[in-house]
Amino acid sequence: MAEQLSLISKELAAIVELIDKAQQRDLSLGRTQVMKLLYLVQSLKQVPLSYRFTLYTYGPFDSELLEDLGYAESLGAITSRVEFHAMGYQYFFSLGPAAARVRQSAQQFLEQNAAAFDWVVSEFGRRTASELETITILVYVDRGAAERHEELSQAEIVKKVLEIKPHVSRPKTEAEAQALRQKGLLAALGAA
């Protein structure tokens, strides 16, 4: 275990930290929620993680993050349980017996970014995977436009999201875009 802990990345520590912050608020995070919350903390709070999110079926996705979840579980830093439902199944994560050692191995990184992890769990931790899908696609579209130095109105951002995800409700997408705007979380906004 000591040899494995020398290989601990800040990404593994971020997973443990996120799950810990959620547990402190009596929240259980599923795999999609972990993915989306780490996307938000990296994109909105510039926490220096190495994930390269691309747009996928349920919003921003990185296969490396799934591998990191599996590795964190194999180290005993997190545990998972699967709940089966009529529509499929869902993973839920909790801290494992090696969580403290993983956190200790990246203590400086976690201390530097503690406020960002607190913020993302406080702000978005109670949101469902479906809600986080809409929120993260809005942020993804917004950040893509901002990187291209393209100014978009809120309506244009919503339109692009609905082109990507036509099954998403327009009123819900508009409401989420407005909430993100009011919190100052959209970077490409030009004209209203």
N, C-alpha and C. Protein backbone atom coordinates (compact mmCIF):
# COMPACT_ATOMS: atom_id res chain seq x y z
N MET A 1 0.82 -1.20 0.00
CA MET A 1 0.00 0.00 0.00
C MET A 1 0.86 1.26 0.00
N ALA A 2 1.96 1.27 0.76
CA ALA A 2 2.82 2.45 0.81
C ALA A 2 3.37 2.77 -0.57
N GLU A 3 3.74 1.73 -1.33
CA GLU A 3 4.25 1.96 -2.68
C GLU A 3 3.16 2.54 -3.57
N GLN A 4 1.94 2.03 -3.46
CA GLN A 4 0.83 2.55 -4.24
C GLN A 4 0.53 3.99 -3.89
N LEU A 5 0.62 4.35 -2.62
CA LEU A 5 0.32 5.72 -2.21
C LEU A 5 1.32 6.72 -2.75
N SER A 6 2.53 6.26 -3.07
CA SER A 6 3.51 7.18 -3.66
C SER A 6 3.09 7.56 -5.07
N LEU A 7 2.17 6.80 -5.65
CA LEU A 7 1.70 7.07 -7.00
C LEU A 7 0.38 7.85 -7.01
N ILE A 8 -0.07 8.30 -5.86
CA ILE A 8 -1.35 8.98 -5.76
C ILE A 8 -1.28 10.31 -6.49
N SER A 9 -2.28 10.54 -7.31
CA SER A 9 -2.35 11.80 -8.05
C SER A 9 -3.30 12.75 -7.34
N LYS A 10 -3.21 13.99 -7.72
CA LYS A 10 -4.14 14.98 -7.18
C LYS A 10 -5.56 14.66 -7.64
N GLU A 11 -5.70 13.98 -8.77
CA GLU A 11 -7.03 13.60 -9.26
C GLU A 11 -7.69 12.60 -8.30
N LEU A 12 -6.91 11.62 -7.82
CA LEU A 12 -7.46 10.66 -6.85
C LEU A 12 -7.81 11.36 -5.55
N ALA A 13 -6.95 12.26 -5.13
CA ALA A 13 -7.24 13.02 -3.92
C ALA A 13 -8.48 13.88 -4.10
N ALA A 14 -8.67 14.43 -5.30
CA ALA A 14 -9.86 15.25 -5.58
C ALA A 14 -11.13 14.41 -5.48
N ILE A 15 -11.08 13.18 -5.97
CA ILE A 15 -12.24 12.29 -5.87
C ILE A 15 -12.57 12.04 -4.41
N VAL A 16 -11.56 11.71 -3.62
CA VAL A 16 -11.77 11.44 -2.19
C VAL A 16 -12.30 12.69 -1.50
N GLU A 17 -11.73 13.84 -1.80
CA GLU A 17 -12.16 15.10 -1.18
C GLU A 17 -13.62 15.41 -1.50
N LEU A 18 -13.99 15.23 -2.76
CA LEU A 18 -15.36 15.50 -3.19
C LEU A 18 -16.34 14.59 -2.46
N ILE A 19 -16.02 13.32 -2.38
CA ILE A 19 -16.90 12.37 -1.69
C ILE A 19 -16.96 12.69 -0.21
N ASP A 20 -15.84 13.07 0.37
CA ASP A 20 -15.82 13.46 1.79
C ASP A 20 -16.69 14.68 2.03
N LYS A 21 -16.55 15.72 1.20
CA LYS A 21 -17.36 16.93 1.37
C LYS A 21 -18.85 16.61 1.24
N ALA A 22 -19.19 15.70 0.33
CA ALA A 22 -20.59 15.31 0.16
C ALA A 22 -21.09 14.57 1.39
N GLN A 23 -20.30 13.63 1.89
CA GLN A 23 -20.71 12.87 3.08
C GLN A 23 -20.89 13.79 4.28
N GLN A 24 -20.08 14.82 4.40
CA GLN A 24 -20.22 15.77 5.50
C GLN A 24 -21.58 16.47 5.45
N ARG A 25 -22.18 16.52 4.27
CA ARG A 25 -23.49 17.15 4.09
C ARG A 25 -24.60 16.10 3.95
N ASP A 26 -24.30 14.86 4.34
CA ASP A 26 -25.25 13.75 4.24
C ASP A 26 -25.73 13.51 2.81
N LEU A 27 -24.82 13.65 1.86
CA LEU A 27 -25.12 13.40 0.46
C LEU A 27 -24.40 12.16 -0.02
N SER A 28 -25.04 11.39 -0.87
CA SER A 28 -24.41 10.27 -1.54
C SER A 28 -24.29 10.63 -3.00
N LEU A 29 -23.08 10.54 -3.52
CA LEU A 29 -22.85 10.88 -4.92
C LEU A 29 -22.74 9.63 -5.77
N GLY A 30 -23.38 9.68 -6.92
CA GLY A 30 -23.24 8.61 -7.90
C GLY A 30 -22.13 8.95 -8.88
N ARG A 31 -21.86 8.02 -9.76
CA ARG A 31 -20.76 8.17 -10.72
C ARG A 31 -20.94 9.40 -11.61
N THR A 32 -22.14 9.60 -12.12
CA THR A 32 -22.38 10.75 -12.99
C THR A 32 -22.23 12.05 -12.21
N GLN A 33 -22.71 12.07 -10.99
CA GLN A 33 -22.57 13.28 -10.16
C GLN A 33 -21.11 13.59 -9.88
N VAL A 34 -20.30 12.58 -9.57
CA VAL A 34 -18.87 12.80 -9.35
C VAL A 34 -18.24 13.39 -10.61
N MET A 35 -18.57 12.81 -11.75
CA MET A 35 -18.03 13.28 -13.03
C MET A 35 -18.38 14.75 -13.24
N LYS A 36 -19.64 15.09 -13.06
CA LYS A 36 -20.10 16.46 -13.34
C LYS A 36 -19.54 17.46 -12.32
N LEU A 37 -19.49 17.07 -11.05
CA LEU A 37 -18.96 17.99 -10.04
C LEU A 37 -17.47 18.24 -10.24
N LEU A 38 -16.72 17.22 -10.64
CA LEU A 38 -15.30 17.44 -10.92
C LEU A 38 -15.13 18.30 -12.18
N TYR A 39 -16.02 18.13 -13.15
CA TYR A 39 -15.98 19.02 -14.32
C TYR A 39 -16.20 20.47 -13.88
N LEU A 40 -17.20 20.69 -13.04
CA LEU A 40 -17.51 22.05 -12.60
C LEU A 40 -16.39 22.66 -11.77
N VAL A 41 -15.80 21.88 -10.87
CA VAL A 41 -14.73 22.44 -10.03
C VAL A 41 -13.50 22.75 -10.89
N GLN A 42 -13.25 21.95 -11.91
CA GLN A 42 -12.12 22.21 -12.81
C GLN A 42 -12.41 23.40 -13.71
N SER A 43 -13.62 23.48 -14.26
CA SER A 43 -13.97 24.53 -15.22
C SER A 43 -14.29 25.87 -14.59
N LEU A 44 -15.05 25.84 -13.50
CA LEU A 44 -15.52 27.09 -12.91
C LEU A 44 -14.57 27.64 -11.84
N LYS A 45 -13.85 26.77 -11.16
CA LYS A 45 -12.95 27.21 -10.08
C LYS A 45 -11.48 26.99 -10.42
N GLN A 46 -11.22 26.54 -11.64
CA GLN A 46 -9.86 26.35 -12.15
C GLN A 46 -8.98 25.49 -11.23
N VAL A 47 -9.58 24.49 -10.59
CA VAL A 47 -8.78 23.54 -9.82
C VAL A 47 -7.95 22.76 -10.85
N PRO A 48 -6.63 22.74 -10.67
CA PRO A 48 -5.75 22.17 -11.70
C PRO A 48 -5.75 20.64 -11.74
N LEU A 49 -6.79 20.10 -12.33
CA LEU A 49 -6.88 18.66 -12.57
C LEU A 49 -6.53 18.41 -14.04
N SER A 50 -6.11 17.20 -14.35
CA SER A 50 -5.64 16.92 -15.72
C SER A 50 -6.73 16.33 -16.62
N TYR A 51 -7.97 16.37 -16.19
CA TYR A 51 -9.02 15.78 -17.00
C TYR A 51 -9.25 16.61 -18.26
N ARG A 52 -9.53 15.89 -19.35
CA ARG A 52 -9.84 16.53 -20.64
C ARG A 52 -11.26 16.12 -21.03
N PHE A 53 -12.18 16.88 -20.54
CA PHE A 53 -13.58 16.55 -20.76
C PHE A 53 -13.98 16.84 -22.20
N THR A 54 -14.74 15.91 -22.77
CA THR A 54 -15.34 16.11 -24.08
C THR A 54 -16.84 15.88 -23.93
N LEU A 55 -17.60 16.38 -24.87
CA LEU A 55 -19.05 16.22 -24.80
C LEU A 55 -19.41 14.80 -25.19
N TYR A 56 -20.21 14.17 -24.36
CA TYR A 56 -20.60 12.79 -24.54
C TYR A 56 -22.10 12.68 -24.29
N THR A 57 -22.61 11.48 -24.23
CA THR A 57 -24.05 11.24 -24.11
C THR A 57 -24.72 12.06 -23.02
N TYR A 58 -24.12 12.10 -21.82
CA TYR A 58 -24.74 12.81 -20.70
C TYR A 58 -23.95 14.03 -20.28
N GLY A 59 -23.35 14.70 -21.25
CA GLY A 59 -22.61 15.92 -20.94
C GLY A 59 -21.11 15.68 -20.91
N PRO A 60 -20.37 16.60 -20.31
CA PRO A 60 -18.91 16.48 -20.25
C PRO A 60 -18.47 15.17 -19.61
N PHE A 61 -17.51 14.51 -20.25
CA PHE A 61 -17.09 13.17 -19.86
C PHE A 61 -15.59 13.02 -20.08
N ASP A 62 -14.93 12.26 -19.21
CA ASP A 62 -13.53 11.90 -19.38
C ASP A 62 -13.35 10.46 -18.90
N SER A 63 -12.93 9.57 -19.78
CA SER A 63 -12.77 8.16 -19.42
C SER A 63 -11.68 7.96 -18.36
N GLU A 64 -10.70 8.87 -18.30
CA GLU A 64 -9.66 8.79 -17.27
C GLU A 64 -10.26 8.92 -15.87
N LEU A 65 -11.30 9.73 -15.75
CA LEU A 65 -11.94 9.89 -14.46
C LEU A 65 -12.58 8.56 -14.02
N LEU A 66 -13.20 7.85 -14.96
CA LEU A 66 -13.77 6.54 -14.61
C LEU A 66 -12.67 5.58 -14.16
N GLU A 67 -11.53 5.63 -14.85
CA GLU A 67 -10.40 4.78 -14.45
C GLU A 67 -9.91 5.17 -13.05
N ASP A 68 -9.87 6.48 -12.78
CA ASP A 68 -9.44 6.94 -11.46
C ASP A 68 -10.40 6.49 -10.36
N LEU A 69 -11.70 6.48 -10.66
CA LEU A 69 -12.67 5.98 -9.68
C LEU A 69 -12.38 4.51 -9.36
N GLY A 70 -12.13 3.73 -10.39
CA GLY A 70 -11.81 2.32 -10.19
C GLY A 70 -10.52 2.13 -9.40
N TYR A 71 -9.52 2.95 -9.71
CA TYR A 71 -8.24 2.86 -9.00
C TYR A 71 -8.40 3.27 -7.53
N ALA A 72 -9.15 4.35 -7.30
CA ALA A 72 -9.39 4.80 -5.92
C ALA A 72 -10.10 3.70 -5.13
N GLU A 73 -11.00 3.00 -5.78
CA GLU A 73 -11.69 1.91 -5.09
C GLU A 73 -10.74 0.75 -4.83
N SER A 74 -9.87 0.44 -5.79
CA SER A 74 -8.93 -0.67 -5.60
C SER A 74 -7.93 -0.37 -4.48
N LEU A 75 -7.63 0.90 -4.26
CA LEU A 75 -6.74 1.30 -3.16
C LEU A 75 -7.45 1.29 -1.80
N GLY A 76 -8.78 1.24 -1.84
CA GLY A 76 -9.54 1.31 -0.60
C GLY A 76 -9.81 2.74 -0.15
N ALA A 77 -9.56 3.70 -1.04
CA ALA A 77 -9.82 5.10 -0.72
C ALA A 77 -11.31 5.41 -0.76
N ILE A 78 -12.03 4.73 -1.63
CA ILE A 78 -13.48 4.86 -1.71
C ILE A 78 -14.08 3.46 -1.84
N THR A 79 -15.34 3.37 -1.52
CA THR A 79 -16.09 2.14 -1.74
C THR A 79 -17.32 2.51 -2.54
N SER A 80 -17.86 1.52 -3.23
CA SER A 80 -19.08 1.79 -4.00
C SER A 80 -20.12 0.72 -3.68
N ARG A 81 -21.33 1.12 -3.86
CA ARG A 81 -22.44 0.17 -3.79
C ARG A 81 -23.32 0.45 -4.99
N VAL A 82 -23.97 -0.55 -5.47
CA VAL A 82 -24.83 -0.43 -6.64
C VAL A 82 -26.27 -0.62 -6.20
N GLU A 83 -27.12 0.28 -6.63
CA GLU A 83 -28.55 0.15 -6.39
C GLU A 83 -29.23 -0.10 -7.74
N PHE A 84 -30.05 -1.11 -7.78
CA PHE A 84 -30.77 -1.44 -8.99
C PHE A 84 -32.17 -0.83 -8.94
N HIS A 85 -32.58 -0.28 -10.07
CA HIS A 85 -33.89 0.35 -10.21
C HIS A 85 -34.58 -0.22 -11.44
N ALA A 86 -35.83 0.12 -11.62
CA ALA A 86 -36.58 -0.34 -12.78
C ALA A 86 -35.92 0.11 -14.09
N MET A 87 -35.30 1.28 -14.07
CA MET A 87 -34.69 1.83 -15.29
C MET A 87 -33.20 1.48 -15.41
N GLY A 88 -32.65 0.72 -14.49
CA GLY A 88 -31.24 0.38 -14.57
C GLY A 88 -30.61 0.31 -13.20
N TYR A 89 -29.43 0.89 -13.07
CA TYR A 89 -28.70 0.85 -11.82
C TYR A 89 -27.93 2.15 -11.62
N GLN A 90 -27.48 2.35 -10.39
CA GLN A 90 -26.71 3.54 -10.07
C GLN A 90 -25.68 3.20 -9.00
N TYR A 91 -24.47 3.73 -9.19
CA TYR A 91 -23.40 3.58 -8.21
C TYR A 91 -23.50 4.71 -7.19
N PHE A 92 -23.18 4.40 -5.95
CA PHE A 92 -23.03 5.41 -4.92
C PHE A 92 -21.69 5.19 -4.24
N PHE A 93 -20.98 6.27 -3.98
CA PHE A 93 -19.64 6.17 -3.40
C PHE A 93 -19.62 6.68 -1.97
N SER A 94 -18.72 6.09 -1.19
CA SER A 94 -18.44 6.58 0.16
C SER A 94 -16.94 6.41 0.41
N LEU A 95 -16.47 7.01 1.49
CA LEU A 95 -15.05 6.93 1.81
C LEU A 95 -14.69 5.52 2.23
N GLY A 96 -13.49 5.11 1.84
CA GLY A 96 -12.98 3.80 2.21
C GLY A 96 -11.94 3.92 3.32
N PRO A 97 -11.40 2.80 3.77
CA PRO A 97 -10.45 2.80 4.88
C PRO A 97 -9.13 3.52 4.58
N ALA A 98 -8.77 3.66 3.30
CA ALA A 98 -7.50 4.33 2.96
C ALA A 98 -7.71 5.80 2.57
N ALA A 99 -8.89 6.33 2.77
CA ALA A 99 -9.19 7.72 2.36
C ALA A 99 -8.25 8.73 3.02
N ALA A 100 -8.03 8.58 4.31
CA ALA A 100 -7.19 9.54 5.04
C ALA A 100 -5.76 9.53 4.50
N ARG A 101 -5.25 8.36 4.17
CA ARG A 101 -3.88 8.28 3.64
C ARG A 101 -3.79 8.91 2.25
N VAL A 102 -4.82 8.74 1.45
CA VAL A 102 -4.82 9.36 0.11
C VAL A 102 -4.87 10.88 0.26
N ARG A 103 -5.73 11.35 1.13
CA ARG A 103 -5.82 12.79 1.35
C ARG A 103 -4.50 13.35 1.88
N GLN A 104 -3.87 12.63 2.79
CA GLN A 104 -2.59 13.08 3.36
C GLN A 104 -1.51 13.16 2.28
N SER A 105 -1.55 12.25 1.32
CA SER A 105 -0.53 12.24 0.27
C SER A 105 -0.62 13.46 -0.65
N ALA A 106 -1.76 14.12 -0.65
CA ALA A 106 -1.96 15.32 -1.49
C ALA A 106 -2.44 16.48 -0.64
N GLN A 107 -1.97 16.55 0.58
CA GLN A 107 -2.47 17.53 1.55
C GLN A 107 -2.34 18.97 1.06
N GLN A 108 -1.20 19.33 0.50
CA GLN A 108 -1.02 20.71 0.05
C GLN A 108 -2.00 21.08 -1.05
N PHE A 109 -2.17 20.19 -2.03
CA PHE A 109 -3.13 20.42 -3.11
C PHE A 109 -4.54 20.60 -2.55
N LEU A 110 -4.93 19.73 -1.63
CA LEU A 110 -6.28 19.80 -1.06
C LEU A 110 -6.47 21.07 -0.23
N GLU A 111 -5.45 21.48 0.53
CA GLU A 111 -5.55 22.72 1.30
C GLU A 111 -5.70 23.92 0.37
N GLN A 112 -4.95 23.94 -0.73
CA GLN A 112 -5.01 25.06 -1.67
C GLN A 112 -6.36 25.16 -2.35
N ASN A 113 -7.05 24.04 -2.48
CA ASN A 113 -8.30 24.02 -3.23
C ASN A 113 -9.52 23.67 -2.38
N ALA A 114 -9.38 23.71 -1.06
CA ALA A 114 -10.47 23.35 -0.16
C ALA A 114 -11.72 24.17 -0.40
N ALA A 115 -11.56 25.47 -0.58
CA ALA A 115 -12.72 26.34 -0.79
C ALA A 115 -13.48 25.97 -2.07
N ALA A 116 -12.75 25.58 -3.11
CA ALA A 116 -13.39 25.20 -4.37
C ALA A 116 -14.22 23.92 -4.21
N PHE A 117 -13.68 22.95 -3.49
CA PHE A 117 -14.44 21.71 -3.26
C PHE A 117 -15.65 21.97 -2.38
N ASP A 118 -15.49 22.79 -1.34
CA ASP A 118 -16.64 23.17 -0.51
C ASP A 118 -17.71 23.84 -1.35
N TRP A 119 -17.27 24.77 -2.19
CA TRP A 119 -18.20 25.53 -3.02
C TRP A 119 -18.98 24.63 -3.96
N VAL A 120 -18.28 23.75 -4.70
CA VAL A 120 -18.98 22.94 -5.70
C VAL A 120 -19.99 21.99 -5.05
N VAL A 121 -19.64 21.43 -3.89
CA VAL A 121 -20.59 20.53 -3.22
C VAL A 121 -21.75 21.33 -2.63
N SER A 122 -21.45 22.48 -2.06
CA SER A 122 -22.51 23.32 -1.50
C SER A 122 -23.45 23.82 -2.59
N GLU A 123 -22.89 24.23 -3.70
CA GLU A 123 -23.66 24.83 -4.79
C GLU A 123 -24.43 23.80 -5.62
N PHE A 124 -23.79 22.65 -5.89
CA PHE A 124 -24.37 21.69 -6.85
C PHE A 124 -24.52 20.27 -6.32
N GLY A 125 -24.09 19.99 -5.10
CA GLY A 125 -24.08 18.63 -4.59
C GLY A 125 -25.44 17.99 -4.43
N ARG A 126 -26.47 18.77 -4.26
CA ARG A 126 -27.82 18.21 -4.09
C ARG A 126 -28.56 18.07 -5.42
N ARG A 127 -27.91 18.43 -6.49
CA ARG A 127 -28.55 18.35 -7.81
C ARG A 127 -28.51 16.91 -8.32
N THR A 128 -29.55 16.51 -9.03
CA THR A 128 -29.61 15.17 -9.61
C THR A 128 -28.64 15.08 -10.79
N ALA A 129 -28.37 13.86 -11.20
CA ALA A 129 -27.51 13.65 -12.36
C ALA A 129 -28.10 14.33 -13.59
N SER A 130 -29.40 14.27 -13.74
CA SER A 130 -30.07 14.90 -14.88
C SER A 130 -29.92 16.43 -14.85
N GLU A 131 -30.10 17.01 -13.68
CA GLU A 131 -29.92 18.46 -13.55
C GLU A 131 -28.47 18.85 -13.82
N LEU A 132 -27.55 18.06 -13.31
CA LEU A 132 -26.14 18.34 -13.53
C LEU A 132 -25.77 18.20 -15.00
N GLU A 133 -26.44 17.31 -15.71
CA GLU A 133 -26.21 17.17 -17.14
C GLU A 133 -26.49 18.50 -17.84
N THR A 134 -27.65 19.08 -17.55
CA THR A 134 -28.01 20.36 -18.17
C THR A 134 -27.05 21.47 -17.77
N ILE A 135 -26.74 21.55 -16.49
CA ILE A 135 -25.84 22.60 -15.99
C ILE A 135 -24.47 22.48 -16.64
N THR A 136 -23.93 21.27 -16.69
CA THR A 136 -22.58 21.12 -17.22
C THR A 136 -22.52 21.33 -18.73
N ILE A 137 -23.57 20.99 -19.43
CA ILE A 137 -23.58 21.28 -20.88
C ILE A 137 -23.65 22.78 -21.10
N LEU A 138 -24.43 23.48 -20.30
CA LEU A 138 -24.46 24.95 -20.39
C LEU A 138 -23.05 25.52 -20.17
N VAL A 139 -22.38 25.06 -19.13
CA VAL A 139 -21.02 25.53 -18.84
C VAL A 139 -20.07 25.14 -19.97
N TYR A 140 -20.21 23.93 -20.48
CA TYR A 140 -19.34 23.45 -21.56
C TYR A 140 -19.48 24.34 -22.81
N VAL A 141 -20.72 24.62 -23.19
CA VAL A 141 -20.97 25.50 -24.35
C VAL A 141 -20.41 26.89 -24.08
N ASP A 142 -20.68 27.40 -22.90
CA ASP A 142 -20.20 28.73 -22.51
C ASP A 142 -18.67 28.80 -22.55
N ARG A 143 -18.01 27.82 -21.93
CA ARG A 143 -16.55 27.85 -21.86
C ARG A 143 -15.93 27.67 -23.24
N GLY A 144 -16.56 26.87 -24.09
CA GLY A 144 -16.07 26.72 -25.46
C GLY A 144 -16.12 28.03 -26.21
N ALA A 145 -17.22 28.75 -26.06
CA ALA A 145 -17.35 30.06 -26.71
C ALA A 145 -16.33 31.05 -26.14
N ALA A 146 -16.17 31.06 -24.84
CA ALA A 146 -15.22 31.97 -24.20
C ALA A 146 -13.80 31.70 -24.67
N GLU A 147 -13.44 30.42 -24.81
CA GLU A 147 -12.10 30.07 -25.29
C GLU A 147 -11.87 30.56 -26.72
N ARG A 148 -12.94 30.61 -27.51
CA ARG A 148 -12.84 31.11 -28.89
C ARG A 148 -13.02 32.62 -28.95
N HIS A 149 -13.11 33.26 -27.79
CA HIS A 149 -13.35 34.71 -27.68
C HIS A 149 -14.63 35.11 -28.41
N GLU A 150 -15.64 34.25 -28.28
CA GLU A 150 -16.93 34.45 -28.91
C GLU A 150 -17.92 34.91 -27.85
N GLU A 151 -18.59 36.00 -28.12
CA GLU A 151 -19.62 36.49 -27.20
C GLU A 151 -20.96 35.90 -27.59
N LEU A 152 -21.66 35.35 -26.62
CA LEU A 152 -22.99 34.79 -26.85
C LEU A 152 -23.97 35.39 -25.87
N SER A 153 -25.21 35.50 -26.29
CA SER A 153 -26.26 35.89 -25.35
C SER A 153 -26.70 34.64 -24.60
N GLN A 154 -27.42 34.84 -23.54
CA GLN A 154 -27.95 33.70 -22.78
C GLN A 154 -28.85 32.86 -23.68
N ALA A 155 -29.65 33.49 -24.51
CA ALA A 155 -30.54 32.77 -25.42
C ALA A 155 -29.75 31.93 -26.42
N GLU A 156 -28.62 32.46 -26.89
CA GLU A 156 -27.79 31.70 -27.84
C GLU A 156 -27.15 30.49 -27.16
N ILE A 157 -26.75 30.64 -25.91
CA ILE A 157 -26.18 29.51 -25.17
C ILE A 157 -27.25 28.43 -25.00
N VAL A 158 -28.45 28.84 -24.61
CA VAL A 158 -29.55 27.88 -24.43
C VAL A 158 -29.85 27.18 -25.76
N LYS A 159 -29.88 27.94 -26.84
CA LYS A 159 -30.17 27.36 -28.17
C LYS A 159 -29.13 26.29 -28.52
N LYS A 160 -27.86 26.57 -28.28
CA LYS A 160 -26.80 25.61 -28.58
C LYS A 160 -26.94 24.35 -27.73
N VAL A 161 -27.30 24.52 -26.46
CA VAL A 161 -27.50 23.36 -25.59
C VAL A 161 -28.65 22.51 -26.11
N LEU A 162 -29.73 23.14 -26.53
CA LEU A 162 -30.89 22.39 -27.03
C LEU A 162 -30.59 21.72 -28.37
N GLU A 163 -29.67 22.27 -29.15
CA GLU A 163 -29.24 21.60 -30.39
C GLU A 163 -28.44 20.34 -30.05
N ILE A 164 -27.65 20.42 -29.00
CA ILE A 164 -26.84 19.27 -28.57
C ILE A 164 -27.72 18.22 -27.90
N LYS A 165 -28.63 18.69 -27.06
CA LYS A 165 -29.49 17.81 -26.26
C LYS A 165 -30.96 18.17 -26.47
N PRO A 166 -31.55 17.76 -27.58
CA PRO A 166 -32.95 18.14 -27.84
C PRO A 166 -33.95 17.59 -26.84
N HIS A 167 -33.59 16.55 -26.09
CA HIS A 167 -34.51 15.98 -25.11
C HIS A 167 -34.62 16.81 -23.83
N VAL A 168 -33.69 17.75 -23.65
CA VAL A 168 -33.68 18.57 -22.45
C VAL A 168 -34.78 19.63 -22.57
N SER A 169 -35.47 19.87 -21.50
CA SER A 169 -36.57 20.83 -21.47
C SER A 169 -36.04 22.26 -21.66
N ARG A 170 -36.67 23.00 -22.59
CA ARG A 170 -36.27 24.40 -22.81
C ARG A 170 -36.48 25.25 -21.55
N PRO A 171 -37.65 25.17 -20.90
CA PRO A 171 -37.82 25.99 -19.70
C PRO A 171 -36.80 25.68 -18.60
N LYS A 172 -36.50 24.41 -18.41
CA LYS A 172 -35.51 24.05 -17.39
C LYS A 172 -34.12 24.54 -17.79
N THR A 173 -33.79 24.42 -19.06
CA THR A 173 -32.49 24.88 -19.54
C THR A 173 -32.38 26.39 -19.38
N GLU A 174 -33.44 27.11 -19.72
CA GLU A 174 -33.44 28.57 -19.56
C GLU A 174 -33.30 28.96 -18.09
N ALA A 175 -33.99 28.24 -17.22
CA ALA A 175 -33.91 28.54 -15.78
C ALA A 175 -32.50 28.27 -15.25
N GLU A 176 -31.89 27.16 -15.67
CA GLU A 176 -30.52 26.87 -15.23
C GLU A 176 -29.53 27.90 -15.77
N ALA A 177 -29.72 28.32 -17.02
CA ALA A 177 -28.84 29.34 -17.61
C ALA A 177 -28.98 30.65 -16.84
N GLN A 178 -30.20 31.02 -16.49
CA GLN A 178 -30.43 32.25 -15.73
C GLN A 178 -29.77 32.16 -14.35
N ALA A 179 -29.89 31.01 -13.70
CA ALA A 179 -29.27 30.83 -12.38
C ALA A 179 -27.75 30.93 -12.48
N LEU A 180 -27.17 30.31 -13.50
CA LEU A 180 -25.72 30.40 -13.69
C LEU A 180 -25.31 31.85 -13.98
N ARG A 181 -26.11 32.53 -14.76
CA ARG A 181 -25.81 33.93 -15.09
C ARG A 181 -25.85 34.79 -13.83
N GLN A 182 -26.88 34.62 -13.02
CA GLN A 182 -27.03 35.41 -11.81
C GLN A 182 -25.87 35.19 -10.84
N LYS A 183 -25.29 34.01 -10.89
CA LYS A 183 -24.16 33.69 -10.02
C LYS A 183 -22.82 34.11 -10.65
N GLY A 184 -22.88 34.68 -11.84
CA GLY A 184 -21.67 35.12 -12.53
C GLY A 184 -20.82 33.98 -13.04
N LEU A 185 -21.44 32.86 -13.40
CA LEU A 185 -20.70 31.68 -13.80
C LEU A 185 -20.64 31.46 -15.30
N LEU A 186 -21.22 32.35 -16.08
CA LEU A 186 -21.13 32.24 -17.53
C LEU A 186 -20.13 33.27 -18.04
N ALA A 187 -19.13 32.81 -18.76
CA ALA A 187 -18.01 33.66 -19.17
C ALA A 187 -18.19 34.30 -20.54
N ALA A 188 -19.03 33.74 -21.41
CA ALA A 188 -19.12 34.21 -22.80
C ALA A 188 -20.28 35.17 -23.03
N LEU A 189 -20.97 35.55 -21.96
CA LEU A 189 -22.17 36.36 -22.13
C LEU A 189 -21.86 37.72 -22.72
N GLY A 190 -22.62 38.01 -23.77
CA GLY A 190 -22.54 39.33 -24.38
C GLY A 190 -23.87 40.01 -24.11
N ALA A 191 -24.59 40.26 -25.16
CA ALA A 191 -25.90 40.90 -25.05
C ALA A 191 -26.90 39.97 -24.39
N ALA A 192 -27.80 40.52 -23.62
CA ALA A 192 -28.84 39.72 -22.98
C ALA A 192 -29.81 39.24 -24.01
